[in-house]
Protein backbone atom coordinates (compact mmCIF):
# COMPACT_ATOMS: atom_id res chain seq x y z
CA MET A 1 26.24 -2.04 40.02
CA GLU A 2 29.19 -3.41 41.97
CA GLN A 3 32.71 -2.60 40.83
CA SER A 4 34.95 -5.38 39.57
CA ALA A 5 38.19 -6.21 41.38
CA PHE A 6 40.18 -4.44 38.66
CA GLU A 7 38.00 -1.32 38.93
CA LYS A 8 38.53 -1.24 42.70
CA ILE A 9 42.29 -1.60 42.15
CA TYR A 10 42.36 1.22 39.60
CA GLU A 11 40.42 3.50 41.97
CA ALA A 12 42.95 2.78 44.74
CA VAL A 13 45.92 3.44 42.43
CA LYS A 14 44.44 6.78 41.39
CA GLN A 15 44.67 7.90 45.03
CA ILE A 16 48.49 7.54 45.24
CA PRO A 17 49.82 11.11 45.44
CA TYR A 18 52.33 12.56 42.99
CA GLY A 19 55.87 11.81 44.16
CA GLN A 20 54.88 8.84 46.31
CA VAL A 21 54.59 5.08 45.85
CA ALA A 22 52.44 2.31 47.28
CA THR A 23 53.02 -1.42 47.48
CA TYR A 24 50.99 -4.11 45.76
CA GLY A 25 49.80 -5.17 49.21
CA GLN A 26 48.65 -1.65 50.12
CA ILE A 27 46.64 -1.38 46.92
CA ALA A 28 45.17 -4.85 47.45
CA ALA A 29 44.01 -3.87 50.94
CA LEU A 30 42.56 -0.57 49.72
CA ALA A 31 40.73 -2.44 46.96
CA GLY A 32 39.09 -4.64 49.56
CA ASN A 33 41.16 -7.81 49.86
CA LYS A 34 44.67 -7.81 51.32
CA ARG A 35 45.34 -11.13 49.54
CA TRP A 36 44.95 -9.56 46.09
CA ALA A 37 48.58 -8.43 45.69
CA ARG A 38 49.06 -10.71 42.67
CA VAL A 39 45.70 -9.58 41.24
CA VAL A 40 46.95 -5.99 41.55
CA GLY A 41 49.91 -6.96 39.36
CA TYR A 42 47.60 -8.47 36.74
CA ALA A 43 45.34 -5.42 36.78
CA LEU A 44 48.22 -2.99 36.39
CA HIS A 45 49.68 -5.00 33.54
CA VAL A 46 46.48 -4.45 31.54
CA ASN A 47 45.91 -0.84 32.69
CA PRO A 48 43.29 0.52 30.25
CA ASP A 49 44.06 4.19 30.96
CA PRO A 50 47.74 4.83 31.81
CA ASP A 51 47.25 8.60 31.45
CA HIS A 52 44.86 8.58 34.43
CA ILE A 53 45.83 5.42 36.37
CA PRO A 54 49.45 5.90 37.51
CA CYS A 55 50.37 2.24 37.81
CA TYR A 56 54.06 3.13 37.77
CA ARG A 57 53.62 4.36 41.36
CA VAL A 58 53.11 0.76 42.57
CA VAL A 59 56.24 -1.12 43.68
CA ASN A 60 56.92 -4.24 45.69
CA LYS A 61 57.32 -4.11 49.47
CA GLU A 62 61.10 -3.65 49.17
CA GLY A 63 60.59 -0.71 46.81
CA ARG A 64 61.64 -2.54 43.66
CA VAL A 65 60.08 -1.66 40.33
CA SER A 66 58.60 -4.32 38.07
CA ASP A 67 60.82 -5.91 35.43
CA ALA A 68 57.65 -6.47 33.45
CA PHE A 69 56.44 -2.86 33.66
CA ALA A 70 53.82 -2.72 30.92
CA PHE A 71 55.01 0.51 29.37
CA GLY A 72 58.68 -0.02 28.65
CA GLY A 73 60.19 -2.22 31.38
CA GLY A 74 61.57 -1.40 34.81
CA ASN A 75 63.79 1.38 33.55
CA ARG A 76 60.77 3.29 32.25
CA GLN A 77 59.03 2.89 35.62
CA MET A 78 62.13 4.29 37.35
CA GLU A 79 62.25 7.21 34.89
CA LEU A 80 58.61 8.10 35.58
CA LEU A 81 59.11 7.94 39.35
CA LYS A 82 62.35 9.95 39.23
CA ALA A 83 60.55 12.58 37.16
CA GLU A 84 58.21 13.00 40.16
CA GLY A 85 61.17 13.41 42.53
CA VAL A 86 61.18 9.86 43.93
CA GLU A 87 64.71 8.84 44.90
CA PHE A 88 66.25 5.41 44.62
CA THR A 89 68.99 3.63 46.52
CA GLY A 90 70.37 1.29 43.90
CA ASP A 91 67.29 -0.15 42.23
CA CYS A 92 64.92 0.39 45.17
CA VAL A 93 62.72 3.33 46.09
CA ASN A 94 63.59 4.85 49.46
CA MET A 95 60.39 3.50 51.04
CA ALA A 96 60.89 5.30 54.37
CA GLN A 97 60.68 8.60 52.53
CA TYR A 98 58.38 7.94 49.56
CA GLN A 99 55.88 5.28 50.61
CA TRP A 100 52.35 6.63 50.75
CA GLU A 101 51.21 6.64 54.34
CA ARG A 102 47.46 6.38 53.82
CA PRO A 103 46.02 4.24 56.58
CA VAL A 104 44.74 0.85 55.43
CA TYR A 105 41.60 -0.41 57.15
């Protein structure tokens, strides 16, 4: 049985290492369609298993957190990332240091 788009997205998000972040575009590409960045946002907003799918590790390409973070707003997303040692410059993750470097095919 083929996985749904959301299932593929959740599997990609589960691969993001502790203390690192990925962009919506990275996750879209890993899930099989680099044009799915917006779909990634929809999937993360309805994350069925936040204890095992770390959607807070997904940020935009500038390193900004989501204002609509599903589990308490952008501040909560920042708190969760900071708890993993991710550093911010203003309201952006330092992408040069914390962006997951997994190759995208």
